[in-house]
């Protein structure tokens, strides 16, 4: 059984804008027919989190994933 990160990498490769969940599950199951829907959902969510973290890191506003404290007056 593939790991969540392995499935996440596959999802990033096959996902397209407007793709339905059913189609995404089918695309992953082409490679791993016995993987559960639960594991595919978790992997998709993990891929989303990693991707969002990478985009946040490109903003140039400090360290990636860091929260800047509010200024005090």
PDB file of N, CA and C in Angstrom:
ATOM      1  N   UNK A   1       0.849  -1.181   0.000  1.00  0.00           N
ATOM      2  CA  UNK A   1       0.000   0.000   0.000  1.00  0.00           C
ATOM      3  C   UNK A   1       0.891   1.240   0.000  1.00  0.00           C
ATOM      4  N   UNK A   2       0.637   2.189  -0.890  1.00  0.00           N
ATOM      5  CA  UNK A   2       1.467   3.393  -0.975  1.00  0.00           C
ATOM      6  C   UNK A   2       1.243   4.327   0.219  1.00  0.00           C
ATOM      7  N   UNK A   3       2.253   5.124   0.500  1.00  0.00           N
ATOM      8  CA  UNK A   3       2.137   6.094   1.597  1.00  0.00           C
ATOM      9  C   UNK A   3       1.292   7.283   1.165  1.00  0.00           C
ATOM     10  N   UNK A   4       0.869   8.057   2.154  1.00  0.00           N
ATOM     11  CA  UNK A   4       0.079   9.259   1.886  1.00  0.00           C
ATOM     12  C   UNK A   4       0.864  10.238   1.018  1.00  0.00           C
ATOM     13  N   UNK A   5       2.141  10.395   1.285  1.00  0.00           N
ATOM     14  CA  UNK A   5       2.945  11.336   0.503  1.00  0.00           C
ATOM     15  C   UNK A   5       3.115  10.865  -0.944  1.00  0.00           C
ATOM     16  N   UNK A   6       3.211   9.558  -1.152  1.00  0.00           N
ATOM     17  CA  UNK A   6       3.316   9.019  -2.505  1.00  0.00           C
ATOM     18  C   UNK A   6       2.028   9.294  -3.283  1.00  0.00           C
ATOM     19  N   UNK A   7       0.895   9.063  -2.646  1.00  0.00           N
ATOM     20  CA  UNK A   7      -0.391   9.335  -3.288  1.00  0.00           C
ATOM     21  C   UNK A   7      -0.541  10.831  -3.534  1.00  0.00           C
ATOM     22  N   UNK A   8      -0.100  11.654  -2.595  1.00  0.00           N
ATOM     23  CA  UNK A   8      -0.179  13.112  -2.750  1.00  0.00           C
ATOM     24  C   UNK A   8       0.583  13.572  -3.983  1.00  0.00           C
ATOM     25  N   UNK A   9       1.768  13.020  -4.194  1.00  0.00           N
ATOM     26  CA  UNK A   9       2.555  13.387  -5.369  1.00  0.00           C
ATOM     27  C   UNK A   9       1.826  12.990  -6.656  1.00  0.00           C
ATOM     28  N   UNK A  10       1.184  11.847  -6.646  1.00  0.00           N
ATOM     29  CA  UNK A  10       0.411  11.395  -7.805  1.00  0.00           C
ATOM     30  C   UNK A  10      -0.767  12.346  -8.065  1.00  0.00           C
ATOM     31  N   UNK A  11      -1.432  12.746  -6.993  1.00  0.00           N
ATOM     32  CA  UNK A  11      -2.580  13.644  -7.117  1.00  0.00           C
ATOM     33  C   UNK A  11      -2.158  14.963  -7.754  1.00  0.00           C
ATOM     34  N   UNK A  12      -1.039  15.505  -7.323  1.00  0.00           N
ATOM     35  CA  UNK A  12      -0.557  16.774  -7.875  1.00  0.00           C
ATOM     36  C   UNK A  12      -0.305  16.638  -9.380  1.00  0.00           C
ATOM     37  N   UNK A  13       0.133  15.474  -9.809  1.00  0.00           N
ATOM     38  CA  UNK A  13       0.410  15.257 -11.229  1.00  0.00           C
ATOM     39  C   UNK A  13      -0.860  15.133 -12.068  1.00  0.00           C
ATOM     40  N   UNK A  14      -1.923  14.544 -11.518  1.00  0.00           N
ATOM     41  CA  UNK A  14      -3.111  14.243 -12.329  1.00  0.00           C
ATOM     42  C   UNK A  14      -4.261  15.230 -12.160  1.00  0.00           C
ATOM     43  N   UNK A  15      -4.254  16.026 -11.122  1.00  0.00           N
ATOM     44  CA  UNK A  15      -5.388  16.913 -10.864  1.00  0.00           C
ATOM     45  C   UNK A  15      -5.456  18.034 -11.901  1.00  0.00           C
ATOM     46  N   UNK A  16      -6.691  18.402 -12.258  1.00  0.00           N
ATOM     47  CA  UNK A  16      -6.938  19.467 -13.227  1.00  0.00           C
ATOM     48  C   UNK A  16      -8.012  20.386 -12.657  1.00  0.00           C
ATOM     49  N   UNK A  17      -8.019  21.646 -13.035  1.00  0.00           N
ATOM     50  CA  UNK A  17      -9.074  22.549 -12.565  1.00  0.00           C
ATOM     51  C   UNK A  17     -10.458  22.009 -12.926  1.00  0.00           C
ATOM     52  N   UNK A  18     -11.364  22.046 -11.972  1.00  0.00           N
ATOM     53  CA  UNK A  18     -12.728  21.585 -12.198  1.00  0.00           C
ATOM     54  C   UNK A  18     -12.901  20.074 -12.135  1.00  0.00           C
ATOM     55  N   UNK A  19     -11.857  19.361 -11.773  1.00  0.00           N
ATOM     56  CA  UNK A  19     -11.934  17.902 -11.714  1.00  0.00           C
ATOM     57  C   UNK A  19     -12.832  17.466 -10.560  1.00  0.00           C
ATOM     58  N   UNK A  20     -13.717  16.523 -10.839  1.00  0.00           N
ATOM     59  CA  UNK A  20     -14.608  16.006  -9.798  1.00  0.00           C
ATOM     60  C   UNK A  20     -13.867  15.002  -8.929  1.00  0.00           C
ATOM     61  N   UNK A  21     -14.318  14.852  -7.705  1.00  0.00           N
ATOM     62  CA  UNK A  21     -13.702  13.910  -6.762  1.00  0.00           C
ATOM     63  C   UNK A  21     -13.724  12.491  -7.327  1.00  0.00           C
ATOM     64  N   UNK A  22     -14.814  12.128  -7.951  1.00  0.00           N
ATOM     65  CA  UNK A  22     -14.950  10.788  -8.531  1.00  0.00           C
ATOM     66  C   UNK A  22     -13.854  10.530  -9.580  1.00  0.00           C
ATOM     67  N   UNK A  23     -13.565  11.531 -10.392  1.00  0.00           N
ATOM     68  CA  UNK A  23     -12.534  11.392 -11.419  1.00  0.00           C
ATOM     69  C   UNK A  23     -11.139  11.317 -10.804  1.00  0.00           C
ATOM     70  N   UNK A  24     -10.918  12.081  -9.744  1.00  0.00           N
ATOM     71  CA  UNK A  24      -9.632  12.045  -9.055  1.00  0.00           C
ATOM     72  C   UNK A  24      -9.401  10.675  -8.429  1.00  0.00           C
ATOM     73  N   UNK A  25     -10.416  10.137  -7.798  1.00  0.00           N
ATOM     74  CA  UNK A  25     -10.314   8.802  -7.197  1.00  0.00           C
ATOM     75  C   UNK A  25     -10.010   7.767  -8.279  1.00  0.00           C
ATOM     76  N   UNK A  26     -10.685   7.865  -9.399  1.00  0.00           N
ATOM     77  CA  UNK A  26     -10.449   6.930 -10.505  1.00  0.00           C
ATOM     78  C   UNK A  26      -9.015   7.030 -11.021  1.00  0.00           C
ATOM     79  N   UNK A  27      -8.491   8.263 -11.117  1.00  0.00           N
ATOM     80  CA  UNK A  27      -7.124   8.454 -11.600  1.00  0.00           C
ATOM     81  C   UNK A  27      -6.100   7.830 -10.651  1.00  0.00           C
ATOM     82  N   UNK A  28      -6.332   7.974  -9.359  1.00  0.00           N
ATOM     83  CA  UNK A  28      -5.413   7.381  -8.377  1.00  0.00           C
ATOM     84  C   UNK A  28      -5.538   5.862  -8.398  1.00  0.00           C
ATOM     85  N   UNK A  29      -6.747   5.369  -8.536  1.00  0.00           N
ATOM     86  CA  UNK A  29      -6.964   3.916  -8.529  1.00  0.00           C
ATOM     87  C   UNK A  29      -6.467   3.236  -9.800  1.00  0.00           C
ATOM     88  N   UNK A  30      -6.203   3.993 -10.847  1.00  0.00           N
ATOM     89  CA  UNK A  30      -5.567   3.391 -12.021  1.00  0.00           C
ATOM     90  C   UNK A  30      -4.190   2.852 -11.643  1.00  0.00           C
ATOM     91  N   UNK A  31      -3.536   3.584 -10.752  1.00  0.00           N
ATOM     92  CA  UNK A  31      -2.190   3.197 -10.313  1.00  0.00           C
ATOM     93  C   UNK A  31      -2.232   2.202  -9.157  1.00  0.00           C
ATOM     94  N   UNK A  32      -3.117   2.451  -8.183  1.00  0.00           N
ATOM     95  CA  UNK A  32      -3.253   1.609  -6.994  1.00  0.00           C
ATOM     96  C   UNK A  32      -4.715   1.236  -6.812  1.00  0.00           C
ATOM     97  N   UNK A  33      -5.176   0.154  -7.419  1.00  0.00           N
ATOM     98  CA  UNK A  33      -6.599  -0.202  -7.417  1.00  0.00           C
ATOM     99  C   UNK A  33      -7.221  -0.442  -6.035  1.00  0.00           C
ATOM    100  N   UNK A  34      -6.429  -0.832  -5.060  1.00  0.00           N
ATOM    101  CA  UNK A  34      -6.993  -1.191  -3.755  1.00  0.00           C
ATOM    102  C   UNK A  34      -6.914  -0.080  -2.714  1.00  0.00           C
ATOM    103  N   UNK A  35      -6.411   1.076  -3.090  1.00  0.00           N
ATOM    104  CA  UNK A  35      -6.305   2.161  -2.110  1.00  0.00           C
ATOM    105  C   UNK A  35      -7.713   2.666  -1.760  1.00  0.00           C
ATOM    106  N   UNK A  36      -7.921   2.967  -0.485  1.00  0.00           N
ATOM    107  CA  UNK A  36      -9.252   3.369  -0.017  1.00  0.00           C
ATOM    108  C   UNK A  36      -9.552   4.832  -0.360  1.00  0.00           C
ATOM    109  N   UNK A  37     -10.826   5.146  -0.430  1.00  0.00           N
ATOM    110  CA  UNK A  37     -11.246   6.528  -0.666  1.00  0.00           C
ATOM    111  C   UNK A  37     -10.757   7.416   0.472  1.00  0.00           C
ATOM    112  N   UNK A  38     -10.772   6.881   1.678  1.00  0.00           N
ATOM    113  CA  UNK A  38     -10.326   7.638   2.854  1.00  0.00           C
ATOM    114  C   UNK A  38      -8.860   8.053   2.688  1.00  0.00           C
ATOM    115  N   UNK A  39      -8.027   7.130   2.237  1.00  0.00           N
ATOM    116  CA  UNK A  39      -6.606   7.436   2.076  1.00  0.00           C
ATOM    117  C   UNK A  39      -6.399   8.438   0.932  1.00  0.00           C
ATOM    118  N   UNK A  40      -7.199   8.334  -0.117  1.00  0.00           N
ATOM    119  CA  UNK A  40      -7.107   9.285  -1.223  1.00  0.00           C
ATOM    120  C   UNK A  40      -7.510  10.675  -0.752  1.00  0.00           C
ATOM    121  N   UNK A  41      -8.590  10.774   0.043  1.00  0.00           N
ATOM    122  CA  UNK A  41      -9.022  12.078   0.569  1.00  0.00           C
ATOM    123  C   UNK A  41      -7.946  12.689   1.452  1.00  0.00           C
ATOM    124  N   UNK A  42      -7.369  11.886   2.330  1.00  0.00           N
ATOM    125  CA  UNK A  42      -6.307  12.392   3.213  1.00  0.00           C
ATOM    126  C   UNK A  42      -5.103  12.867   2.405  1.00  0.00           C
ATOM    127  N   UNK A  43      -4.759  12.113   1.380  1.00  0.00           N
ATOM    128  CA  UNK A  43      -3.622  12.476   0.539  1.00  0.00           C
ATOM    129  C   UNK A  43      -3.891  13.756  -0.237  1.00  0.00           C
ATOM    130  N   UNK A  44      -5.116  13.915  -0.723  1.00  0.00           N
ATOM    131  CA  UNK A  44      -5.481  15.131  -1.453  1.00  0.00           C
ATOM    132  C   UNK A  44      -5.402  16.341  -0.526  1.00  0.00           C
ATOM    133  N   UNK A  45      -5.874  16.183   0.693  1.00  0.00           N
ATOM    134  CA  UNK A  45      -5.829  17.278   1.654  1.00  0.00           C
ATOM    135  C   UNK A  45      -4.375  17.612   2.002  1.00  0.00           C
ATOM    136  N   UNK A  46      -3.542  16.584   2.169  1.00  0.00           N
ATOM    137  CA  UNK A  46      -2.125  16.805   2.458  1.00  0.00           C
ATOM    138  C   UNK A  46      -1.452  17.548   1.300  1.00  0.00           C
ATOM    139  N   UNK A  47      -1.791  17.184   0.066  1.00  0.00           N
ATOM    140  CA  UNK A  47      -1.224  17.863  -1.101  1.00  0.00           C
ATOM    141  C   UNK A  47      -1.644  19.322  -1.124  1.00  0.00           C
ATOM    142  N   UNK A  48      -2.873  19.588  -0.765  1.00  0.00           N
ATOM    143  CA  UNK A  48      -3.386  20.957  -0.716  1.00  0.00           C
ATOM    144  C   UNK A  48      -2.633  21.788   0.322  1.00  0.00           C
ATOM    145  N   UNK A  49      -2.398  21.210   1.475  1.00  0.00           N
ATOM    146  CA  UNK A  49      -1.686  21.917   2.548  1.00  0.00           C
ATOM    147  C   UNK A  49      -0.253  22.225   2.126  1.00  0.00           C
ATOM    148  N   UNK A  50       0.426  21.257   1.543  1.00  0.00           N
ATOM    149  CA  UNK A  50       1.809  21.464   1.113  1.00  0.00           C
ATOM    150  C   UNK A  50       1.868  22.544   0.037  1.00  0.00           C
ATOM    151  N   UNK A  51       0.954  22.481  -0.892  1.00  0.00           N
ATOM    152  CA  UNK A  51       0.924  23.456  -1.988  1.00  0.00           C
ATOM    153  C   UNK A  51       0.648  24.869  -1.458  1.00  0.00           C
ATOM    154  N   UNK A  52      -0.278  24.993  -0.519  1.00  0.00           N
ATOM    155  CA  UNK A  52      -0.581  26.296   0.070  1.00  0.00           C
ATOM    156  C   UNK A  52       0.626  26.827   0.838  1.00  0.00           C
ATOM    157  N   UNK A  53       1.327  25.946   1.519  1.00  0.00           N
ATOM    158  CA  UNK A  53       2.525  26.352   2.251  1.00  0.00           C
ATOM    159  C   UNK A  53       3.613  26.864   1.327  1.00  0.00           C
ATOM    160  N   UNK A  54       3.754  26.233   0.173  1.00  0.00           N
ATOM    161  CA  UNK A  54       4.759  26.674  -0.792  1.00  0.00           C
ATOM    162  C   UNK A  54       4.389  28.031  -1.369  1.00  0.00           C
ATOM    163  N   UNK A  55       3.116  28.252  -1.648  1.00  0.00           N
ATOM    164  CA  UNK A  55       2.680  29.549  -2.172  1.00  0.00           C
ATOM    165  C   UNK A  55       2.858  30.640  -1.128  1.00  0.00           C
ATOM    166  N   UNK A  56       2.600  30.321   0.128  1.00  0.00           N
ATOM    167  CA  UNK A  56       2.773  31.306   1.201  1.00  0.00           C
ATOM    168  C   UNK A  56       4.239  31.670   1.356  1.00  0.00           C
ATOM    169  N   UNK A  57       5.117  30.727   1.119  1.00  0.00           N
ATOM    170  CA  UNK A  57       6.556  30.961   1.227  1.00  0.00           C
ATOM    171  C   UNK A  57       7.086  31.882   0.155  1.00  0.00           C
ATOM    172  N   UNK A  58       6.386  32.021  -0.961  1.00  0.00           N
ATOM    173  CA  UNK A  58       6.831  32.879  -2.057  1.00  0.00           C
ATOM    174  C   UNK A  58       6.481  34.343  -1.840  1.00  0.00           C
ATOM    175  N   UNK A  59       5.701  34.635  -0.821  1.00  0.00           N
ATOM    176  CA  UNK A  59       5.240  36.017  -0.627  1.00  0.00           C
ATOM    177  C   UNK A  59       6.355  36.949  -0.166  1.00  0.00           C
ATOM    178  N   UNK A  60       7.422  36.404   0.398  1.00  0.00           N
ATOM    179  CA  UNK A  60       8.536  37.226   0.835  1.00  0.00           C
ATOM    180  C   UNK A  60       8.307  37.942   2.147  1.00  0.00           C
ATOM    181  N   UNK A  61       7.308  37.528   2.895  1.00  0.00           N
ATOM    182  CA  UNK A  61       6.996  38.216   4.155  1.00  0.00           C
ATOM    183  C   UNK A  61       7.503  37.432   5.360  1.00  0.00           C
ATOM    184  N   UNK A  62       8.768  37.115   5.377  1.00  0.00           N
ATOM    185  CA  UNK A  62       9.323  36.381   6.511  1.00  0.00           C
ATOM    186  C   UNK A  62       9.501  34.913   6.182  1.00  0.00           C
ATOM    187  N   UNK A  63       9.683  34.132   7.224  1.00  0.00           N
ATOM    188  CA  UNK A  63       9.880  32.706   7.039  1.00  0.00           C
ATOM    189  C   UNK A  63       8.592  32.043   6.586  1.00  0.00           C
ATOM    190  N   UNK A  64       8.744  30.965   5.850  1.00  0.00           N
ATOM    191  CA  UNK A  64       7.586  30.238   5.364  1.00  0.00           C
ATOM    192  C   UNK A  64       6.790  29.681   6.531  1.00  0.00           C
ATOM    193  N   UNK A  65       5.504  29.979   6.547  1.00  0.00           N
ATOM    194  CA  UNK A  65       4.632  29.448   7.578  1.00  0.00           C
ATOM    195  C   UNK A  65       4.673  30.218   8.882  1.00  0.00           C
ATOM    196  N   UNK A  66       5.497  31.274   8.958  1.00  0.00           N
ATOM    197  CA  UNK A  66       5.569  32.015  10.213  1.00  0.00           C
ATOM    198  C   UNK A  66       4.429  33.022  10.322  1.00  0.00           C
ATOM    199  N   UNK A  67       4.043  33.310  11.517  1.00  0.00           N
ATOM    200  CA  UNK A  67       3.018  34.307  11.767  1.00  0.00           C
ATOM    201  C   UNK A  67       3.694  35.528  12.346  1.00  0.00           C
ATOM    202  N   UNK A  68       3.455  36.666  11.715  1.00  0.00           N
ATOM    203  CA  UNK A  68       4.058  37.903  12.167  1.00  0.00           C
ATOM    204  C   UNK A  68       3.233  38.489  13.299  1.00  0.00           C
ATOM    205  N   UNK A  69       3.855  38.911  14.387  1.00  0.00           N
ATOM    206  CA  UNK A  69       3.094  39.504  15.497  1.00  0.00           C
ATOM    207  C   UNK A  69       2.509  40.855  15.084  1.00  0.00           C
ATOM    208  N   UNK A  70       1.371  41.164  15.651  1.00  0.00           N
ATOM    209  CA  UNK A  70       0.725  42.453  15.395  1.00  0.00           C
ATOM    210  C   UNK A  70       1.526  43.563  16.046  1.00  0.00           C
ATOM    211  N   UNK A  71       1.635  44.712  15.400  1.00  0.00           N
ATOM    212  CA  UNK A  71       2.382  45.818  16.006  1.00  0.00           C
ATOM    213  C   UNK A  71       1.661  46.339  17.242  1.00  0.00           C
ATOM    214  N   UNK A  72       2.416  46.725  18.246  1.00  0.00           N
ATOM    215  CA  UNK A  72       1.850  47.282  19.466  1.00  0.00           C
ATOM    216  C   UNK A  72       2.117  48.780  19.495  1.00  0.00           C
ATOM    217  N   UNK A  73       1.187  49.534  19.995  1.00  0.00           N
ATOM    218  CA  UNK A  73       1.351  50.989  20.054  1.00  0.00           C
ATOM    219  C   UNK A  73       1.516  51.454  21.459  1.00  0.00           C
TER     220      UNK A  73
END
